[in-house]
Amino acid sequence: MNPVPNVSFEDTAIAFADKSDAELYKTYLLFAAMNNNSLVKMGGGLMKKALSWNLPVKFLIKKSIFEQFCGGETIQECKPTIQKLGASGIGTILDYSVEGESNEESFDHTVQEIISTVEMAANSTHIPFSVFKVTGVADPALLAKAQTDQELTPTEKAAYGRARARVKAICQRAYERGVRVFIDAEESWLQETIDQLCYEMMELYNQERPIVYNTYQLYRHDRLDVIKRDYENAVKRGYYLGGKLVRGAYMEKEARVAQEKGYRNPINPSKQATDDLYNEALKFCLEHIDRIAICAGTHNEDSCYLLMQLMAQHHLAPQDERIYFAQLLGMSDNLSYNLAHAGYKVAKYVPYGPVEAVMPYLLRRADENTAIAGQSSREFSLGFPFRMKPKTWTTLNPS
């Protein structure tokens, strides 16, 4: 067994080394606000109304919540963030986070935008992955219908063919440029369709090494079984399985739809059950690392410590390219920076897009930080400079 590097997620001197006093104080104020559920609900509604009324609030949004969680409005605007993260050994995953558009023109535009991120990744040592959502290039209603036993109309079949061609165009360019690409997970009533597209792309492009990664939401009680099934299929068909492991992003919606339609809720009955399943998935993937490459997308300290221990048990170096840790920009810097400092492969999701178009993403971030037990409070307690231990603060700011 290799020794586990000594990593402390309490080490704020490393976590906040590249941030000024002003940046830390601003982060503190933002997370203090997000600790207030009423303020988040009211503020989110006011921001949406102000933008819809064309009130001059874009600058305020861009300098506050947008700047915390997004890299910029364009790929070019993200470059300073990419460089800053890269200087600390942290990669960037450019995430085009425009939501709500669902027409052929927007789908084609999204394909070109994702291909642009692939091209940038191919020419940068700081961008290890690209990522996209299938609903960014295909109608969600069409994906949902394709998952049922209903036969698609000729028009729908043609639309589905175009959607598949868009997914293939992205994955093929990623393969040609040697860039790994994540296909994000979505709601359960779309996921089987997304899975099938992903398996098809893996069989095409993962023959030599993992290029295409599927995403597994471990808050669903069936996902570990799916990972095991996917591994067996990959072995049988002779390709590598790429897997991004996350806890999940649609819990309330999944529970509501399951109740409305009268089927079993696909979500685990408790947070502990999700944590246990996530950690079991990590164990399974490390036991089969010869065929599986993973990205552990997690803000959970225990899961990060477990993955470090598993890597040591399996004699895997922190720099092993088959294993990445990932967190969202603006969150859990105590994980990202300390892991990178210890030599592990780490990347940050860096969303980007026009402020107005990214608002749904930003409001979801604010809601999730308020709703997830302890998350905003954790950022709140770590981010305020005057709450840091004096020794740590002196180390961070020698002056």
Protein backbone atom coordinates (compact mmCIF):
# COMPACT_ATOMS: atom_id res chain seq x y z
CA MET A 1 0.00 0.00 0.00
CA ASN A 2 1.31 3.43 -0.95
CA PRO A 3 1.36 6.07 1.80
CA VAL A 4 -1.60 8.47 1.72
CA PRO A 5 -0.37 12.08 1.32
CA ASN A 6 -1.01 14.21 4.37
CA VAL A 7 -3.91 16.40 3.23
CA SER A 8 -5.95 18.58 5.56
CA PHE A 9 -9.06 20.24 4.20
CA GLU A 10 -8.84 22.67 7.14
CA ASP A 11 -5.66 24.19 5.69
CA THR A 12 -6.93 27.59 4.65
CA ALA A 13 -3.40 28.86 3.98
CA ILE A 14 -3.31 26.63 0.90
CA ALA A 15 -7.01 26.90 0.06
CA PHE A 16 -7.03 30.70 -0.09
CA ALA A 17 -3.41 31.41 -1.04
CA ASP A 18 -4.30 33.07 -4.35
CA LYS A 19 -7.10 35.26 -2.96
CA SER A 20 -6.78 38.79 -1.65
CA ASP A 21 -8.33 40.04 1.57
CA ALA A 22 -10.98 41.83 -0.48
CA GLU A 23 -11.84 38.67 -2.43
CA LEU A 24 -12.17 36.65 0.77
CA TYR A 25 -14.39 39.26 2.37
CA LYS A 26 -16.59 39.43 -0.72
CA THR A 27 -16.92 35.62 -0.72
CA TYR A 28 -17.86 35.72 2.95
CA LEU A 29 -20.61 38.26 2.32
CA LEU A 30 -22.00 36.26 -0.60
CA PHE A 31 -22.16 32.98 1.33
CA ALA A 32 -23.58 34.80 4.34
CA ALA A 33 -26.42 35.93 2.08
CA MET A 34 -26.89 32.42 0.69
CA ASN A 35 -27.17 31.11 4.23
CA ASN A 36 -30.45 33.04 4.41
CA ASN A 37 -33.11 31.01 2.59
CA SER A 38 -35.67 33.85 2.52
CA LEU A 39 -33.11 36.24 1.08
CA VAL A 40 -32.15 33.74 -1.63
CA LYS A 41 -35.79 33.19 -2.66
CA MET A 42 -36.63 36.89 -2.65
CA GLY A 43 -33.36 37.98 -4.28
CA GLY A 44 -33.62 35.39 -7.04
CA GLY A 45 -37.10 36.53 -7.94
CA LEU A 46 -36.07 40.18 -7.96
CA MET A 47 -33.05 39.49 -10.20
CA LYS A 48 -35.18 37.63 -12.75
CA LYS A 49 -37.77 40.42 -12.81
CA ALA A 50 -35.13 43.14 -13.08
CA LEU A 51 -33.52 41.42 -16.07
CA SER A 52 -36.85 40.80 -17.77
CA TRP A 53 -37.71 44.52 -17.31
CA ASN A 54 -34.30 45.50 -18.74
CA LEU A 55 -33.34 47.31 -15.54
CA PRO A 56 -29.61 48.16 -15.24
CA VAL A 57 -28.73 45.36 -12.81
CA LYS A 58 -26.49 43.22 -15.03
CA PHE A 59 -23.31 44.87 -13.69
CA LEU A 60 -24.32 44.14 -10.08
CA ILE A 61 -25.14 40.52 -10.88
CA LYS A 62 -21.92 40.07 -12.84
CA LYS A 63 -19.79 41.48 -10.00
CA SER A 64 -21.45 39.33 -7.33
CA ILE A 65 -22.98 35.88 -7.78
CA PHE A 66 -21.93 35.58 -11.45
CA GLU A 67 -18.29 36.36 -10.67
CA GLN A 68 -18.31 33.83 -7.82
CA PHE A 69 -19.63 30.88 -9.82
CA CYS A 70 -18.85 31.68 -13.49
CA GLY A 71 -15.70 32.28 -15.50
CA GLY A 72 -17.18 34.88 -17.83
CA GLU A 73 -19.73 35.43 -20.56
CA THR A 74 -17.49 33.97 -23.28
CA ILE A 75 -14.64 31.48 -23.57
CA GLN A 76 -12.24 34.39 -23.98
CA GLU A 77 -13.45 35.98 -20.73
CA CYS A 78 -12.70 32.70 -18.94
CA LYS A 79 -8.99 32.82 -19.76
CA PRO A 80 -7.88 34.64 -16.57
CA THR A 81 -9.76 32.08 -14.45
CA ILE A 82 -8.19 29.22 -16.41
CA GLN A 83 -4.72 30.66 -15.86
CA LYS A 84 -5.30 31.39 -12.19
CA LEU A 85 -6.54 27.86 -11.49
CA GLY A 86 -3.77 26.37 -13.60
CA ALA A 87 -1.11 28.21 -11.59
CA SER A 88 -2.28 26.20 -8.55
CA GLY A 89 -2.31 22.90 -10.44
CA ILE A 90 -6.09 22.89 -10.94
CA GLY A 91 -7.64 22.17 -14.32
CA THR A 92 -10.66 23.87 -15.84
CA ILE A 93 -13.76 22.22 -17.28
CA LEU A 94 -15.46 24.85 -19.44
CA ASP A 95 -19.21 24.42 -19.00
CA TYR A 96 -21.45 26.31 -21.44
CA SER A 97 -24.34 26.85 -19.03
CA VAL A 98 -26.97 28.52 -21.21
CA GLU A 99 -30.37 26.99 -20.41
CA GLY A 100 -33.95 27.28 -21.57
CA GLU A 101 -33.48 27.44 -25.35
CA SER A 102 -34.98 24.52 -27.28
CA ASN A 103 -34.93 24.92 -31.06
CA GLU A 104 -32.84 23.62 -33.93
CA GLU A 105 -30.89 26.87 -34.28
CA SER A 106 -29.91 26.95 -30.60
CA PHE A 107 -28.98 23.25 -30.70
CA ASP A 108 -26.64 23.81 -33.64
CA HIS A 109 -25.12 26.86 -31.93
CA THR A 110 -24.50 24.83 -28.78
CA VAL A 111 -22.68 22.15 -30.78
CA GLN A 112 -20.33 24.76 -32.20
CA GLU A 113 -19.79 26.25 -28.75
CA ILE A 114 -18.91 22.86 -27.24
CA ILE A 115 -16.58 22.10 -30.14
CA SER A 116 -14.89 25.44 -29.41
CA THR A 117 -14.26 24.26 -25.83
CA VAL A 118 -12.81 21.03 -27.24
CA GLU A 119 -10.45 23.00 -29.47
CA MET A 120 -9.37 25.17 -26.58
CA ALA A 121 -8.79 22.12 -24.41
CA ALA A 122 -6.68 20.53 -27.13
CA ASN A 123 -4.39 23.57 -27.07
CA SER A 124 -4.18 24.03 -23.30
CA THR A 125 -2.48 22.06 -20.53
CA HIS A 126 -5.00 23.51 -18.07
CA ILE A 127 -8.23 22.08 -19.58
CA PRO A 128 -8.44 18.30 -19.10
CA PHE A 129 -12.12 17.83 -20.08
CA SER A 130 -14.99 19.29 -22.06
CA VAL A 131 -18.63 18.76 -21.06
CA PHE A 132 -22.14 19.08 -22.45
CA LYS A 133 -25.75 18.24 -21.74
CA VAL A 134 -27.70 16.28 -24.33
CA THR A 135 -30.67 18.61 -23.68
CA GLY A 136 -28.44 21.39 -24.97
CA VAL A 137 -28.46 19.74 -28.41
CA ALA A 138 -31.83 17.92 -28.40
CA ASP A 139 -35.43 18.56 -27.39
CA PRO A 140 -36.05 17.16 -23.86
CA ALA A 141 -39.57 16.11 -24.84
CA LEU A 142 -38.18 14.09 -27.74
CA LEU A 143 -35.62 12.41 -25.47
CA ALA A 144 -38.36 11.56 -22.99
CA LYS A 145 -40.62 10.09 -25.67
CA ALA A 146 -37.74 8.03 -27.07
CA GLN A 147 -37.42 6.44 -23.62
CA THR A 148 -41.02 5.19 -23.68
CA ASP A 149 -42.64 2.49 -25.79
CA GLN A 150 -44.31 5.12 -27.98
CA GLU A 151 -43.29 5.06 -31.60
CA LEU A 152 -41.73 8.26 -32.90
CA THR A 153 -43.40 9.98 -35.84
CA PRO A 154 -41.36 10.43 -39.04
CA THR A 155 -40.74 14.05 -38.07
CA GLU A 156 -39.60 12.99 -34.60
CA LYS A 157 -37.36 10.28 -36.03
CA ALA A 158 -35.69 12.88 -38.23
CA ALA A 159 -35.24 15.20 -35.25
CA TYR A 160 -33.78 12.37 -33.18
CA GLY A 161 -31.38 11.57 -36.01
CA ARG A 162 -30.18 15.17 -35.99
CA ALA A 163 -29.76 15.05 -32.21
CA ARG A 164 -27.68 11.89 -32.44
CA ALA A 165 -25.57 13.48 -35.18
CA ARG A 166 -24.90 16.49 -32.93
CA VAL A 167 -23.79 14.26 -30.04
CA LYS A 168 -21.57 12.32 -32.44
CA ALA A 169 -20.06 15.49 -33.91
CA ILE A 170 -18.95 16.62 -30.44
CA CYS A 171 -17.59 13.22 -29.42
CA GLN A 172 -15.83 12.67 -32.74
CA ARG A 173 -14.07 16.04 -32.50
CA ALA A 174 -13.08 15.22 -28.92
CA TYR A 175 -11.66 11.89 -30.10
CA GLU A 176 -9.78 13.51 -32.98
CA ARG A 177 -8.28 16.13 -30.68
CA GLY A 178 -7.54 13.75 -27.80
CA VAL A 179 -9.84 15.60 -25.38
CA ARG A 180 -11.96 13.75 -22.83
CA VAL A 181 -15.62 14.78 -22.76
CA PHE A 182 -18.30 14.39 -20.10
CA ILE A 183 -21.92 13.79 -21.05
CA ASP A 184 -23.89 15.16 -18.12
CA ALA A 185 -26.66 13.25 -16.36
CA GLU A 186 -30.20 14.62 -16.38
CA GLU A 187 -33.68 13.67 -15.15
CA SER A 188 -34.55 9.98 -14.89
CA TRP A 189 -37.25 10.19 -17.59
CA LEU A 190 -34.53 11.23 -20.06
CA GLN A 191 -31.55 9.35 -18.69
CA GLU A 192 -31.99 5.99 -20.42
CA THR A 193 -32.04 7.74 -23.81
CA ILE A 194 -28.93 9.71 -22.84
CA ASP A 195 -27.27 6.51 -21.60
CA GLN A 196 -27.87 4.74 -24.90
CA LEU A 197 -26.33 7.61 -26.85
CA CYS A 198 -23.40 7.61 -24.48
CA TYR A 199 -22.80 3.84 -24.81
CA GLU A 200 -22.83 4.19 -28.58
CA MET A 201 -20.24 6.97 -28.42
CA MET A 202 -18.07 5.00 -26.00
CA GLU A 203 -18.02 2.00 -28.29
CA LEU A 204 -16.98 4.26 -31.16
CA TYR A 205 -14.38 6.37 -29.39
CA ASN A 206 -13.20 4.58 -26.22
CA GLN A 207 -11.43 1.66 -27.88
CA GLU A 208 -7.91 2.89 -27.10
CA ARG A 209 -8.55 4.97 -23.97
CA PRO A 210 -11.46 6.67 -22.25
CA ILE A 211 -12.59 9.73 -24.22
CA VAL A 212 -16.36 9.78 -23.60
CA TYR A 213 -17.56 9.72 -19.98
CA ASN A 214 -21.10 9.02 -18.83
CA THR A 215 -22.34 10.64 -15.61
CA TYR A 216 -23.81 8.63 -12.75
CA GLN A 217 -26.03 10.33 -10.17
CA LEU A 218 -25.56 8.23 -7.06
CA TYR A 219 -28.54 9.71 -5.29
CA ARG A 220 -30.47 7.31 -7.50
CA HIS A 221 -30.71 3.93 -5.78
CA ASP A 222 -30.08 1.95 -8.99
CA ARG A 223 -26.92 3.69 -10.22
CA LEU A 224 -24.31 1.37 -8.71
CA ASP A 225 -26.01 -1.55 -10.42
CA VAL A 226 -25.92 0.45 -13.65
CA ILE A 227 -22.19 1.14 -13.24
CA LYS A 228 -21.56 -2.58 -12.75
CA ARG A 229 -23.65 -3.43 -15.81
CA ASP A 230 -21.87 -0.79 -17.88
CA TYR A 231 -18.50 -2.14 -16.81
CA GLU A 232 -19.46 -5.67 -17.88
CA ASN A 233 -20.68 -4.35 -21.25
CA ALA A 234 -17.45 -2.39 -21.73
CA VAL A 235 -15.38 -5.51 -21.08
CA LYS A 236 -17.58 -7.56 -23.39
CA ARG A 237 -17.40 -5.02 -26.22
CA GLY A 238 -13.75 -4.15 -25.74
CA TYR A 239 -13.88 -0.46 -24.82
CA TYR A 240 -12.99 1.65 -21.79
CA LEU A 241 -15.69 2.97 -19.46
CA GLY A 242 -15.45 6.62 -18.49
CA GLY A 243 -17.54 7.59 -15.49
CA LYS A 244 -18.15 10.88 -13.72
CA LEU A 245 -19.58 10.12 -10.28
CA VAL A 246 -21.80 12.77 -8.68
CA ARG A 247 -24.47 12.71 -6.02
CA GLY A 248 -27.15 14.41 -8.12
CA ALA A 249 -28.93 17.62 -9.08
CA TYR A 250 -32.67 17.01 -9.52
CA MET A 251 -33.81 15.55 -6.20
CA GLU A 252 -36.90 17.68 -5.53
CA LYS A 253 -38.10 17.47 -9.14
CA GLU A 254 -37.60 13.68 -9.23
CA ALA A 255 -39.61 13.20 -6.02
CA ARG A 256 -42.41 15.47 -7.22
CA VAL A 257 -42.78 13.82 -10.64
CA ALA A 258 -42.65 10.32 -9.13
CA GLN A 259 -45.48 11.23 -6.76
CA GLU A 260 -47.54 12.87 -9.50
CA LYS A 261 -47.18 9.88 -11.86
CA GLY A 262 -47.44 7.20 -9.21
CA TYR A 263 -44.13 5.38 -9.60
CA ARG A 264 -41.39 4.62 -7.11
CA ASN A 265 -39.17 7.59 -6.29
CA PRO A 266 -35.78 6.84 -7.91
CA ILE A 267 -33.96 8.82 -5.19
CA ASN A 268 -32.37 7.17 -2.15
CA PRO A 269 -34.42 7.46 1.06
CA SER A 270 -31.74 9.42 2.95
CA LYS A 271 -28.55 11.40 2.52
CA GLN A 272 -26.66 8.65 4.34
CA ALA A 273 -27.88 6.09 1.80
CA THR A 274 -26.61 8.34 -0.99
CA ASP A 275 -23.26 8.82 0.73
CA ASP A 276 -22.91 5.06 1.22
CA LEU A 277 -23.80 4.32 -2.40
CA TYR A 278 -21.39 6.97 -3.68
CA ASN A 279 -18.55 5.52 -1.64
CA GLU A 280 -19.37 1.97 -2.76
CA ALA A 281 -19.24 3.19 -6.36
CA LEU A 282 -15.77 4.63 -5.73
CA LYS A 283 -14.64 1.29 -4.34
CA PHE A 284 -16.02 -0.65 -7.32
CA CYS A 285 -14.39 1.68 -9.84
CA LEU A 286 -10.99 1.52 -8.13
CA GLU A 287 -11.21 -2.28 -8.04
CA HIS A 288 -11.67 -2.20 -11.84
CA ILE A 289 -9.41 0.73 -12.69
CA ASP A 290 -7.82 -1.29 -15.48
CA ARG A 291 -11.01 -0.71 -17.51
CA ILE A 292 -12.62 2.32 -15.82
CA ALA A 293 -11.50 5.95 -15.62
CA ILE A 294 -13.37 8.19 -13.18
CA CYS A 295 -13.91 11.76 -12.18
CA ALA A 296 -15.19 12.09 -8.62
CA GLY A 297 -17.38 15.16 -8.78
CA THR A 298 -17.92 15.76 -5.09
CA HIS A 299 -17.89 18.44 -2.41
CA ASN A 300 -17.94 15.78 0.30
CA GLU A 301 -14.76 15.65 2.40
CA ASP A 302 -15.27 12.06 3.54
CA SER A 303 -15.58 10.82 -0.05
CA CYS A 304 -12.40 12.68 -1.00
CA TYR A 305 -10.49 11.15 1.90
CA LEU A 306 -11.86 7.72 0.98
CA LEU A 307 -10.76 8.05 -2.64
CA MET A 308 -7.26 9.04 -1.53
CA GLN A 309 -7.13 5.96 0.71
CA LEU A 310 -8.40 3.71 -2.07
CA MET A 311 -5.77 5.03 -4.43
CA ALA A 312 -3.08 4.22 -1.88
CA GLN A 313 -4.50 0.73 -1.30
CA HIS A 314 -4.40 0.03 -5.04
CA HIS A 315 -0.87 1.46 -5.38
CA LEU A 316 -2.05 4.32 -7.56
CA ALA A 317 -0.06 7.55 -7.58
CA PRO A 318 -1.89 10.84 -6.94
CA GLN A 319 -0.95 11.87 -10.49
CA ASP A 320 -2.74 8.91 -12.09
CA GLU A 321 -4.60 10.31 -15.13
CA ARG A 322 -7.45 7.81 -14.70
CA ILE A 323 -8.64 9.47 -11.50
CA TYR A 324 -9.76 13.08 -11.13
CA PHE A 325 -11.42 15.04 -8.36
CA ALA A 326 -13.74 17.87 -9.41
CA GLN A 327 -15.61 20.70 -7.72
CA LEU A 328 -17.58 23.70 -8.90
CA LEU A 329 -15.94 27.08 -9.34
CA GLY A 330 -16.58 29.25 -6.30
CA MET A 331 -17.18 26.32 -3.96
CA SER A 332 -15.07 23.98 -1.82
CA ASP A 333 -11.73 25.60 -2.51
CA ASN A 334 -10.51 23.91 0.67
CA LEU A 335 -10.89 20.59 -1.20
CA SER A 336 -9.66 21.61 -4.65
CA TYR A 337 -6.55 23.53 -3.65
CA ASN A 338 -5.39 21.13 -0.94
CA LEU A 339 -5.85 18.10 -3.20
CA ALA A 340 -3.96 19.78 -6.02
CA HIS A 341 -1.21 20.88 -3.63
CA ALA A 342 -0.78 17.20 -2.65
CA GLY A 343 -0.37 16.23 -6.31
CA TYR A 344 -3.82 14.84 -7.10
CA LYS A 345 -5.55 15.50 -10.42
CA VAL A 346 -8.17 18.17 -9.75
CA ALA A 347 -10.43 20.24 -11.98
CA LYS A 348 -13.01 22.94 -11.44
CA TYR A 349 -16.23 23.22 -13.41
CA VAL A 350 -16.14 26.75 -14.84
CA PRO A 351 -19.59 27.71 -16.19
CA TYR A 352 -19.83 30.52 -18.71
CA GLY A 353 -22.38 32.24 -20.92
CA PRO A 354 -24.33 35.53 -21.15
CA VAL A 355 -25.49 36.69 -17.71
CA GLU A 356 -29.17 36.61 -18.66
CA ALA A 357 -28.94 33.10 -20.12
CA VAL A 358 -26.95 31.71 -17.18
CA MET A 359 -29.37 33.04 -14.53
CA PRO A 360 -31.23 29.69 -14.16
CA TYR A 361 -27.88 28.03 -13.38
CA LEU A 362 -26.90 30.76 -10.89
CA LEU A 363 -30.22 30.62 -9.07
CA ARG A 364 -29.96 26.83 -8.86
CA ARG A 365 -26.46 27.21 -7.35
CA ALA A 366 -27.84 29.60 -4.75
CA ASP A 367 -30.78 27.31 -3.94
CA GLU A 368 -28.56 24.24 -3.71
CA ASN A 369 -26.08 25.99 -1.43
CA THR A 370 -28.96 26.92 0.86
CA ALA A 371 -30.65 23.53 0.67
CA ILE A 372 -27.66 21.17 0.92
CA ALA A 373 -27.06 20.42 4.57
CA GLY A 374 -24.12 22.45 5.77
CA GLN A 375 -22.70 23.44 2.36
CA SER A 376 -23.09 27.20 2.46
CA SER A 377 -22.34 27.20 6.17
CA ARG A 378 -19.07 25.40 5.44
CA GLU A 379 -18.07 27.97 2.83
CA PHE A 380 -19.25 30.71 5.21
CA SER A 381 -17.06 29.53 8.09
CA LEU A 382 -13.97 28.92 5.96
CA GLY A 383 -14.18 32.07 3.88
CA PHE A 384 -14.26 34.82 6.49
CA PRO A 385 -10.70 36.01 7.17
CA PHE A 386 -11.31 37.20 10.71
CA ARG A 387 -12.54 33.73 11.71
CA MET A 388 -9.34 32.07 10.56
CA LYS A 389 -6.76 31.00 13.06
CA PRO A 390 -4.28 33.86 13.53
CA LYS A 391 -1.35 31.66 12.48
CA THR A 392 -3.11 30.65 9.28
CA TRP A 393 -4.03 34.25 8.49
CA THR A 394 -0.43 35.37 9.04
CA THR A 395 0.82 32.63 6.72
CA LEU A 396 -1.73 33.65 4.12
CA ASN A 397 -0.98 37.37 4.36
CA PRO A 398 2.62 37.86 5.58
CA SER A 399 2.24 41.63 5.50
